Structure formats: C-alpha cells, structure tokens
C-alpha cells in the first residue's frame, strides 16, 4: 500500500508541475511588446563613463527589435530581440567580435523586468575571453529604462549599468 501511495504522490506532483508555466514563458510575449515600444532614439549614462546613444527599430514585420548601442569612443553594437515560440531570445553582436545568444529566464510578475542568461556564444576563441553573460532590462516608465550587462573575462565579472532616456 505504501508503494501505491508513493506512486500516486509522484503522479499528482508531476501533473502539478506539468501544468505550471515558467515565469519567463508566461510573460515573455508581453515583455517583447514592451521592447517594441522602445522604438526611437535614446541617450544614457553609465556611472563613471561618457554618455551612450541607443536606438530601437521594430523590423521584419514586427517579429524582431533591432537595438543599436553606440558607447562613446567604442565600436557600435547591435542586439536583436525576438520570440522563439513562447521564449524571448536575443543575440548581441558585440564590439568584441563575438555573438552571445541569450534567453529570458525570468520576467517579473508586473512585466517590468526581464533577466536574460547566456545559452551559447559564437566566435569566442577561448572560454576565458571577454563576453557578455547576462542582461537585465528594467522598464521604469515609457521613457526610462535601465540595462544591466554582465561582462565576464578571465573568470572575473563586471556589471555595466546603462540608464537610458528617450529623446523627444
């Protein structure tokens, strides 16, 4: 009898897990729509650094958002955000000449914050070479966002935080 109860418990718990939606999956489409709303020109600051310019463009019949970031005195970088079924993904074309690909692993219940995590990377010569590992985007309001990029090089992490404001 104990074995039957254990099997029943495993089945009930398994069905409960199967029916739940991962937080990122439930909100990813909504967050992608917010990314589309960024279309336009932006300017920002990161503490201790010169200003940065950014632009957002909705492309490919609304299926992707193209972000161009131009830090002062550095090469411009492009990031493309898109949905892959119910998953929000992005590819970052870095000034370091590698291409981290990330997936949104969580979206806050209010839909204002998404956290992306590296899934793979192309054109990285060695795992210790510098590359982006994580991204967090926070919507403060329609005209203010914060991006927190996590850079990893030689096992050391460094965060870059950009406070962006829409230009009117």
N, C-alpha and C. Protein backbone atom coordinates (compact mmCIF):
# COMPACT_ATOMS: atom_id res chain seq x y z
N UNK A 1 0.82 -1.20 0.00
CA UNK A 1 0.00 0.00 0.00
C UNK A 1 0.85 1.26 0.00
N UNK A 2 1.95 1.26 0.70
CA UNK A 2 2.81 2.44 0.74
C UNK A 2 3.37 2.74 -0.65
N UNK A 3 3.70 1.69 -1.40
CA UNK A 3 4.23 1.89 -2.73
C UNK A 3 3.20 2.55 -3.63
N UNK A 4 1.93 2.18 -3.50
CA UNK A 4 0.87 2.78 -4.30
C UNK A 4 0.70 4.26 -3.96
N UNK A 5 0.79 4.59 -2.67
CA UNK A 5 0.66 5.99 -2.24
C UNK A 5 1.81 6.82 -2.81
N UNK A 6 3.00 6.24 -2.81
CA UNK A 6 4.16 6.94 -3.33
C UNK A 6 4.01 7.20 -4.82
N UNK A 7 3.53 6.20 -5.54
CA UNK A 7 3.32 6.35 -6.99
C UNK A 7 2.27 7.42 -7.25
N UNK A 8 1.17 7.39 -6.48
CA UNK A 8 0.12 8.38 -6.64
C UNK A 8 0.64 9.78 -6.34
N UNK A 9 1.43 9.92 -5.28
CA UNK A 9 2.00 11.21 -4.93
C UNK A 9 2.90 11.73 -6.05
N UNK A 10 3.74 10.86 -6.59
CA UNK A 10 4.63 11.26 -7.69
C UNK A 10 3.80 11.70 -8.90
N UNK A 11 2.73 10.98 -9.22
CA UNK A 11 1.89 11.34 -10.35
C UNK A 11 1.21 12.69 -10.13
N UNK A 12 0.67 12.91 -8.94
CA UNK A 12 -0.01 14.16 -8.64
C UNK A 12 0.97 15.33 -8.70
N UNK A 13 2.13 15.18 -8.10
CA UNK A 13 3.13 16.24 -8.14
C UNK A 13 3.61 16.49 -9.57
N UNK A 14 3.79 15.42 -10.31
CA UNK A 14 4.24 15.55 -11.69
C UNK A 14 3.22 16.28 -12.55
N UNK A 15 1.94 15.98 -12.36
CA UNK A 15 0.90 16.67 -13.12
C UNK A 15 0.82 18.13 -12.72
N UNK A 16 1.01 18.41 -11.45
CA UNK A 16 1.02 19.80 -10.99
C UNK A 16 2.15 20.57 -11.63
N UNK A 17 3.32 19.97 -11.71
CA UNK A 17 4.47 20.63 -12.33
C UNK A 17 4.22 20.83 -13.81
N UNK A 18 3.67 19.81 -14.47
CA UNK A 18 3.43 19.87 -15.90
C UNK A 18 2.48 21.01 -16.26
N UNK A 19 1.53 21.31 -15.39
CA UNK A 19 0.54 22.33 -15.68
C UNK A 19 0.99 23.75 -15.37
N UNK A 20 2.10 23.91 -14.71
CA UNK A 20 2.55 25.26 -14.37
C UNK A 20 3.34 25.85 -15.52
N UNK A 21 3.33 27.17 -15.60
CA UNK A 21 4.06 27.87 -16.65
C UNK A 21 5.28 28.53 -16.05
N UNK A 22 6.42 28.39 -16.69
CA UNK A 22 7.64 29.06 -16.24
C UNK A 22 7.40 30.56 -16.28
N UNK A 23 7.83 31.29 -15.25
CA UNK A 23 7.57 32.73 -15.22
C UNK A 23 8.00 33.47 -16.48
N UNK A 24 9.13 33.13 -17.06
CA UNK A 24 9.57 33.83 -18.28
C UNK A 24 8.63 33.52 -19.43
N UNK A 25 8.18 32.29 -19.53
CA UNK A 25 7.30 31.89 -20.62
C UNK A 25 5.98 32.63 -20.54
N UNK A 26 5.43 32.77 -19.35
CA UNK A 26 4.12 33.38 -19.18
C UNK A 26 4.13 34.85 -19.59
N UNK A 27 5.22 35.56 -19.37
CA UNK A 27 5.27 37.00 -19.61
C UNK A 27 6.14 37.41 -20.80
N UNK A 28 6.80 36.47 -21.45
CA UNK A 28 7.76 36.82 -22.49
C UNK A 28 7.14 37.60 -23.64
N UNK A 29 5.99 37.19 -24.10
CA UNK A 29 5.33 37.88 -25.20
C UNK A 29 4.96 39.31 -24.83
N UNK A 30 4.48 39.49 -23.61
CA UNK A 30 4.14 40.83 -23.12
C UNK A 30 5.38 41.70 -23.04
N UNK A 31 6.48 41.13 -22.56
CA UNK A 31 7.72 41.90 -22.46
C UNK A 31 8.24 42.26 -23.85
N UNK A 32 8.11 41.35 -24.80
CA UNK A 32 8.54 41.63 -26.17
C UNK A 32 7.75 42.82 -26.74
N UNK A 33 6.45 42.89 -26.44
CA UNK A 33 5.65 44.02 -26.89
C UNK A 33 6.16 45.32 -26.28
N UNK A 34 6.61 45.27 -25.03
CA UNK A 34 7.21 46.46 -24.41
C UNK A 34 8.49 46.85 -25.13
N UNK A 35 9.29 45.86 -25.52
CA UNK A 35 10.51 46.16 -26.27
C UNK A 35 10.18 46.88 -27.57
N UNK A 36 9.10 46.48 -28.24
CA UNK A 36 8.70 47.16 -29.47
C UNK A 36 8.39 48.63 -29.20
N UNK A 37 7.85 48.91 -28.02
CA UNK A 37 7.50 50.27 -27.65
C UNK A 37 8.72 51.18 -27.44
N UNK A 38 9.92 50.61 -27.45
CA UNK A 38 11.13 51.41 -27.30
C UNK A 38 11.53 52.11 -28.60
N UNK A 39 10.87 51.81 -29.69
CA UNK A 39 11.25 52.36 -31.00
C UNK A 39 11.52 53.85 -30.90
N UNK A 40 12.71 54.22 -31.38
CA UNK A 40 13.10 55.63 -31.35
C UNK A 40 14.54 55.79 -30.88
N UNK A 41 14.88 57.03 -30.57
CA UNK A 41 16.25 57.37 -30.16
C UNK A 41 16.33 57.56 -28.66
N UNK A 42 17.44 57.10 -28.08
CA UNK A 42 17.65 57.14 -26.64
C UNK A 42 19.07 57.63 -26.35
N UNK A 43 19.24 58.16 -25.15
CA UNK A 43 20.57 58.54 -24.69
C UNK A 43 20.69 58.12 -23.24
N UNK A 44 21.92 57.78 -22.83
CA UNK A 44 22.05 57.32 -21.47
C UNK A 44 23.41 57.52 -20.88
N UNK A 45 23.47 57.14 -19.63
CA UNK A 45 24.70 57.25 -18.85
C UNK A 45 24.94 55.93 -18.13
N UNK A 46 26.20 55.65 -17.93
CA UNK A 46 26.60 54.60 -17.00
C UNK A 46 27.57 55.29 -16.05
N UNK A 47 27.44 55.05 -14.75
CA UNK A 47 28.27 55.77 -13.79
C UNK A 47 29.76 55.71 -14.15
N UNK A 48 30.40 56.89 -14.16
CA UNK A 48 31.83 56.98 -14.41
C UNK A 48 32.25 56.86 -15.86
N UNK A 49 31.30 56.80 -16.77
CA UNK A 49 31.60 56.63 -18.20
C UNK A 49 30.96 57.77 -19.00
N UNK A 50 31.46 58.02 -20.22
CA UNK A 50 30.81 59.01 -21.09
C UNK A 50 29.42 58.53 -21.50
N UNK A 51 28.64 59.43 -22.05
CA UNK A 51 27.27 59.07 -22.43
C UNK A 51 27.25 58.02 -23.54
N UNK A 52 26.14 57.37 -23.67
CA UNK A 52 25.93 56.35 -24.69
C UNK A 52 24.66 56.71 -25.46
N UNK A 53 24.65 56.42 -26.75
CA UNK A 53 23.45 56.62 -27.56
C UNK A 53 22.89 55.25 -27.91
N UNK A 54 21.57 55.18 -28.01
CA UNK A 54 20.93 53.93 -28.38
C UNK A 54 19.75 54.24 -29.29
N UNK A 55 19.42 53.29 -30.15
CA UNK A 55 18.22 53.41 -30.96
C UNK A 55 17.56 52.05 -31.05
N UNK A 56 16.26 52.08 -31.21
CA UNK A 56 15.46 50.86 -31.32
C UNK A 56 14.60 50.96 -32.57
N UNK A 57 14.52 49.86 -33.30
CA UNK A 57 13.75 49.81 -34.53
C UNK A 57 13.03 48.47 -34.59
N UNK A 58 11.73 48.51 -34.81
CA UNK A 58 10.96 47.27 -34.99
C UNK A 58 11.12 46.87 -36.45
N UNK A 59 11.57 45.63 -36.68
CA UNK A 59 11.89 45.17 -38.03
C UNK A 59 11.23 43.83 -38.32
N UNK A 60 11.36 43.41 -39.56
CA UNK A 60 10.90 42.09 -40.01
C UNK A 60 9.43 41.84 -39.69
N UNK A 61 8.61 42.80 -40.12
CA UNK A 61 7.16 42.69 -39.95
C UNK A 61 6.76 42.51 -38.49
N UNK A 62 7.49 43.19 -37.59
CA UNK A 62 7.17 43.15 -36.17
C UNK A 62 7.70 41.95 -35.42
N UNK A 63 8.50 41.12 -36.08
CA UNK A 63 8.98 39.89 -35.43
C UNK A 63 10.30 40.07 -34.70
N UNK A 64 10.92 41.25 -34.83
CA UNK A 64 12.21 41.47 -34.17
C UNK A 64 12.35 42.95 -33.80
N UNK A 65 13.15 43.19 -32.77
CA UNK A 65 13.51 44.54 -32.37
C UNK A 65 15.02 44.65 -32.50
N UNK A 66 15.45 45.64 -33.27
CA UNK A 66 16.87 45.89 -33.51
C UNK A 66 17.32 47.03 -32.61
N UNK A 67 18.27 46.74 -31.74
CA UNK A 67 18.82 47.74 -30.84
C UNK A 67 20.25 48.06 -31.29
N UNK A 68 20.56 49.33 -31.45
CA UNK A 68 21.92 49.76 -31.76
C UNK A 68 22.40 50.60 -30.59
N UNK A 69 23.55 50.22 -30.02
CA UNK A 69 24.13 50.96 -28.91
C UNK A 69 25.48 51.49 -29.35
N UNK A 70 25.68 52.79 -29.13
CA UNK A 70 26.93 53.44 -29.51
C UNK A 70 27.56 54.08 -28.26
N UNK A 71 28.44 53.31 -27.58
CA UNK A 71 29.17 53.92 -26.47
C UNK A 71 30.19 54.92 -27.02
N UNK A 72 30.47 55.95 -26.25
CA UNK A 72 31.48 56.94 -26.67
C UNK A 72 32.83 56.25 -26.83
N UNK A 73 33.51 56.54 -27.91
CA UNK A 73 34.88 56.05 -28.18
C UNK A 73 34.99 54.54 -28.24
N UNK A 74 33.91 53.84 -28.56
CA UNK A 74 33.95 52.38 -28.72
C UNK A 74 33.14 52.01 -29.96
N UNK A 75 33.34 50.79 -30.46
CA UNK A 75 32.56 50.36 -31.62
C UNK A 75 31.07 50.24 -31.26
N UNK A 76 30.22 50.50 -32.24
CA UNK A 76 28.78 50.30 -32.01
C UNK A 76 28.49 48.81 -31.90
N UNK A 77 27.39 48.51 -31.23
CA UNK A 77 26.97 47.12 -31.03
C UNK A 77 25.50 47.01 -31.38
N UNK A 78 25.11 45.84 -31.85
CA UNK A 78 23.73 45.58 -32.23
C UNK A 78 23.22 44.39 -31.44
N UNK A 79 21.98 44.50 -31.00
CA UNK A 79 21.29 43.38 -30.36
C UNK A 79 19.96 43.19 -31.06
N UNK A 80 19.60 41.96 -31.36
CA UNK A 80 18.32 41.65 -31.97
C UNK A 80 17.52 40.80 -30.98
N UNK A 81 16.34 41.29 -30.63
CA UNK A 81 15.41 40.59 -29.73
C UNK A 81 14.31 39.98 -30.57
N UNK A 82 13.89 38.77 -30.23
CA UNK A 82 12.81 38.12 -30.98
C UNK A 82 12.19 37.01 -30.14
N UNK A 83 11.00 36.63 -30.53
CA UNK A 83 10.33 35.49 -29.89
C UNK A 83 10.70 34.22 -30.65
N UNK A 84 10.85 33.14 -29.92
CA UNK A 84 11.04 31.80 -30.48
C UNK A 84 9.96 30.94 -29.83
N UNK A 85 8.82 30.86 -30.50
CA UNK A 85 7.61 30.28 -29.93
C UNK A 85 7.25 31.10 -28.69
N UNK A 86 7.32 30.52 -27.49
CA UNK A 86 6.97 31.28 -26.29
C UNK A 86 8.19 31.77 -25.51
N UNK A 87 9.37 31.67 -26.09
CA UNK A 87 10.60 32.10 -25.42
C UNK A 87 11.11 33.40 -26.04
N UNK A 88 11.49 34.34 -25.19
CA UNK A 88 12.10 35.59 -25.65
C UNK A 88 13.60 35.39 -25.71
N UNK A 89 14.17 35.65 -26.87
CA UNK A 89 15.60 35.43 -27.09
C UNK A 89 16.24 36.69 -27.64
N UNK A 90 17.57 36.74 -27.55
CA UNK A 90 18.31 37.84 -28.13
C UNK A 90 19.69 37.36 -28.54
N UNK A 91 20.22 38.04 -29.56
CA UNK A 91 21.61 37.85 -29.98
C UNK A 91 22.27 39.21 -29.94
N UNK A 92 23.42 39.27 -29.30
CA UNK A 92 24.16 40.52 -29.16
C UNK A 92 25.41 40.44 -30.04
N UNK A 93 25.54 41.37 -30.97
CA UNK A 93 26.70 41.44 -31.85
C UNK A 93 27.66 42.43 -31.23
N UNK A 94 28.62 41.90 -30.48
CA UNK A 94 29.46 42.67 -29.59
C UNK A 94 30.64 43.32 -30.30
N UNK A 95 31.10 44.44 -29.77
CA UNK A 95 32.31 45.09 -30.26
C UNK A 95 33.53 44.21 -30.07
N UNK A 96 33.41 43.18 -29.23
CA UNK A 96 34.49 42.21 -29.03
C UNK A 96 34.51 41.15 -30.13
N UNK A 97 33.62 41.30 -31.09
CA UNK A 97 33.52 40.42 -32.26
C UNK A 97 33.09 39.01 -31.92
N UNK A 98 32.31 38.87 -30.84
CA UNK A 98 31.65 37.60 -30.57
C UNK A 98 30.15 37.85 -30.48
N UNK A 99 29.37 36.79 -30.46
CA UNK A 99 27.93 36.93 -30.52
C UNK A 99 27.26 36.08 -29.44
N UNK A 100 27.09 36.64 -28.24
CA UNK A 100 26.37 35.90 -27.20
C UNK A 100 24.88 35.80 -27.56
N UNK A 101 24.33 34.62 -27.35
CA UNK A 101 22.90 34.41 -27.54
C UNK A 101 22.31 34.10 -26.17
N UNK A 102 21.22 34.77 -25.87
CA UNK A 102 20.62 34.64 -24.54
C UNK A 102 19.13 34.37 -24.65
N UNK A 103 18.60 33.86 -23.55
CA UNK A 103 17.17 33.58 -23.43
C UNK A 103 16.68 34.23 -22.14
N UNK A 104 15.48 34.81 -22.18
CA UNK A 104 14.88 35.36 -20.97
C UNK A 104 14.56 34.20 -20.03
N UNK A 105 15.15 34.22 -18.85
CA UNK A 105 14.91 33.14 -17.89
C UNK A 105 13.87 33.53 -16.86
N UNK A 106 13.60 34.84 -16.73
CA UNK A 106 12.53 35.28 -15.84
C UNK A 106 12.04 36.65 -16.29
N UNK A 107 10.75 36.86 -16.04
CA UNK A 107 10.12 38.16 -16.25
C UNK A 107 9.32 38.41 -14.97
N UNK A 108 9.47 39.60 -14.39
CA UNK A 108 8.78 39.91 -13.14
C UNK A 108 7.27 39.84 -13.34
N UNK A 109 6.53 39.54 -12.28
CA UNK A 109 5.07 39.43 -12.41
C UNK A 109 4.41 40.70 -12.97
N UNK A 110 5.00 41.88 -12.70
CA UNK A 110 4.43 43.12 -13.23
C UNK A 110 4.90 43.39 -14.66
N UNK A 111 5.76 42.52 -15.22
CA UNK A 111 6.21 42.65 -16.60
C UNK A 111 7.21 43.77 -16.83
N UNK A 112 7.83 44.29 -15.77
CA UNK A 112 8.75 45.42 -15.93
C UNK A 112 10.21 45.01 -16.01
N UNK A 113 10.55 43.82 -15.57
CA UNK A 113 11.96 43.40 -15.52
C UNK A 113 12.10 42.02 -16.17
N UNK A 114 13.05 41.92 -17.10
CA UNK A 114 13.37 40.62 -17.70
C UNK A 114 14.84 40.36 -17.50
N UNK A 115 15.15 39.11 -17.14
CA UNK A 115 16.54 38.68 -16.96
C UNK A 115 16.88 37.66 -18.03
N UNK A 116 17.96 37.92 -18.75
CA UNK A 116 18.42 37.03 -19.81
C UNK A 116 19.69 36.33 -19.36
N UNK A 117 19.85 35.10 -19.80
CA UNK A 117 21.03 34.31 -19.46
C UNK A 117 21.62 33.70 -20.74
N UNK A 118 22.94 33.64 -20.77
CA UNK A 118 23.66 33.10 -21.92
C UNK A 118 23.26 31.65 -22.18
N UNK A 119 22.91 31.37 -23.43
CA UNK A 119 22.64 29.98 -23.82
C UNK A 119 23.80 29.41 -24.63
N UNK A 120 24.39 30.26 -25.48
CA UNK A 120 25.60 29.87 -26.22
C UNK A 120 26.22 31.13 -26.81
N UNK A 121 27.37 30.95 -27.42
CA UNK A 121 28.08 32.11 -27.98
C UNK A 121 28.87 31.66 -29.20
N UNK A 122 28.89 32.49 -30.22
CA UNK A 122 29.67 32.19 -31.41
C UNK A 122 30.90 33.10 -31.45
N UNK A 123 31.92 32.62 -32.14
CA UNK A 123 33.15 33.37 -32.39
C UNK A 123 33.91 33.73 -31.11
N UNK A 124 33.87 32.85 -30.12
CA UNK A 124 34.63 33.05 -28.89
C UNK A 124 35.82 32.09 -28.94
N UNK A 125 37.02 32.64 -29.03
CA UNK A 125 38.21 31.82 -29.19
C UNK A 125 38.45 30.91 -27.99
N UNK A 126 38.37 31.47 -26.78
CA UNK A 126 38.58 30.70 -25.55
C UNK A 126 37.50 31.10 -24.55
N UNK A 127 37.09 30.18 -23.70
CA UNK A 127 36.05 30.50 -22.71
C UNK A 127 36.43 31.65 -21.78
N UNK A 128 37.71 31.90 -21.61
CA UNK A 128 38.15 32.98 -20.72
C UNK A 128 38.16 34.35 -21.41
N UNK A 129 37.97 34.39 -22.74
CA UNK A 129 37.91 35.67 -23.45
C UNK A 129 36.67 36.45 -23.00
N UNK A 130 36.76 37.77 -23.08
CA UNK A 130 35.67 38.63 -22.64
C UNK A 130 34.40 38.46 -23.45
N UNK A 131 33.27 38.38 -22.75
CA UNK A 131 31.97 38.26 -23.40
C UNK A 131 30.85 38.62 -22.43
N UNK A 132 29.71 38.96 -22.99
CA UNK A 132 28.52 39.22 -22.19
C UNK A 132 27.91 37.91 -21.75
N UNK A 133 27.53 37.85 -20.48
CA UNK A 133 26.97 36.61 -19.93
C UNK A 133 25.49 36.77 -19.55
N UNK A 134 25.13 37.95 -19.08
CA UNK A 134 23.75 38.18 -18.64
C UNK A 134 23.31 39.58 -19.03
N UNK A 135 22.01 39.75 -19.10
CA UNK A 135 21.41 41.05 -19.35
C UNK A 135 20.13 41.13 -18.52
N UNK A 136 19.94 42.28 -17.90
CA UNK A 136 18.68 42.55 -17.21
C UNK A 136 18.16 43.89 -17.73
N UNK A 137 16.90 43.91 -18.16
CA UNK A 137 16.27 45.13 -18.65
C UNK A 137 15.13 45.47 -17.69
N UNK A 138 15.12 46.73 -17.24
CA UNK A 138 14.07 47.21 -16.34
C UNK A 138 13.37 48.41 -16.98
N UNK A 139 12.06 48.33 -17.10
CA UNK A 139 11.25 49.44 -17.57
C UNK A 139 10.83 50.26 -16.36
N UNK A 140 11.32 51.50 -16.27
CA UNK A 140 10.89 52.39 -15.20
C UNK A 140 9.57 53.05 -15.58
N UNK A 141 9.49 53.50 -16.82
CA UNK A 141 8.27 54.05 -17.41
C UNK A 141 8.48 54.06 -18.93
N UNK A 142 7.59 54.69 -19.68
CA UNK A 142 7.68 54.65 -21.14
C UNK A 142 8.94 55.34 -21.68
N UNK A 143 9.54 56.23 -20.90
CA UNK A 143 10.67 57.00 -21.40
C UNK A 143 11.98 56.74 -20.66
N UNK A 144 12.00 55.77 -19.76
CA UNK A 144 13.20 55.47 -18.97
C UNK A 144 13.35 53.97 -18.76
N UNK A 145 14.52 53.46 -19.14
CA UNK A 145 14.82 52.05 -18.90
C UNK A 145 16.23 51.95 -18.31
N UNK A 146 16.49 50.82 -17.70
CA UNK A 146 17.82 50.52 -17.20
C UNK A 146 18.23 49.18 -17.80
N UNK A 147 19.43 49.11 -18.33
CA UNK A 147 20.01 47.84 -18.79
C UNK A 147 21.23 47.54 -17.93
N UNK A 148 21.29 46.34 -17.42
CA UNK A 148 22.46 45.90 -16.67
C UNK A 148 23.08 44.72 -17.41
N UNK A 149 24.27 44.96 -17.98
CA UNK A 149 25.01 43.95 -18.71
C UNK A 149 26.07 43.36 -17.79
N UNK A 150 26.20 42.04 -17.78
CA UNK A 150 27.27 41.38 -17.02
C UNK A 150 28.30 40.87 -18.01
N UNK A 151 29.52 41.38 -17.87
CA UNK A 151 30.66 41.04 -18.70
C UNK A 151 31.54 40.08 -17.92
N UNK A 152 32.01 39.02 -18.57
CA UNK A 152 32.89 38.05 -17.93
C UNK A 152 34.17 37.95 -18.75
N UNK A 153 35.32 38.03 -18.05
CA UNK A 153 36.62 37.90 -18.71
C UNK A 153 37.61 37.33 -17.70
N UNK A 154 38.30 36.26 -18.10
CA UNK A 154 39.27 35.60 -17.22
C UNK A 154 38.66 35.25 -15.87
N UNK A 155 37.40 34.81 -15.89
CA UNK A 155 36.73 34.39 -14.66
C UNK A 155 36.22 35.53 -13.79
N UNK A 156 36.45 36.77 -14.19
CA UNK A 156 36.01 37.94 -13.41
C UNK A 156 34.75 38.53 -14.04
N UNK A 157 33.77 38.89 -13.20
CA UNK A 157 32.54 39.51 -13.67
C UNK A 157 32.58 41.01 -13.40
N UNK A 158 31.99 41.75 -14.33
CA UNK A 158 31.85 43.19 -14.15
C UNK A 158 30.50 43.60 -14.74
N UNK A 159 29.75 44.39 -13.97
CA UNK A 159 28.45 44.87 -14.44
C UNK A 159 28.59 46.26 -15.03
N UNK A 160 27.89 46.47 -16.14
CA UNK A 160 27.77 47.79 -16.76
C UNK A 160 26.29 48.14 -16.72
N UNK A 161 25.97 49.26 -16.11
CA UNK A 161 24.57 49.66 -15.96
C UNK A 161 24.34 50.92 -16.78
N UNK A 162 23.40 50.84 -17.70
CA UNK A 162 23.04 51.97 -18.56
C UNK A 162 21.66 52.49 -18.17
N UNK A 163 21.58 53.76 -17.83
CA UNK A 163 20.31 54.43 -17.55
C UNK A 163 19.95 55.20 -18.82
N UNK A 164 18.94 54.70 -19.53
CA UNK A 164 18.59 55.28 -20.83
C UNK A 164 17.31 56.10 -20.74
N UNK A 165 17.31 57.23 -21.45
CA UNK A 165 16.16 58.12 -21.52
C UNK A 165 15.80 58.36 -22.98
N UNK A 166 14.50 58.27 -23.28
CA UNK A 166 14.03 58.51 -24.65
C UNK A 166 14.25 59.98 -25.01
N UNK A 167 14.79 60.23 -26.21
CA UNK A 167 14.92 61.59 -26.71
C UNK A 167 13.61 62.00 -27.35
N UNK A 168 13.21 63.21 -27.11
CA UNK A 168 11.91 63.68 -27.66
C UNK A 168 12.13 64.68 -28.75
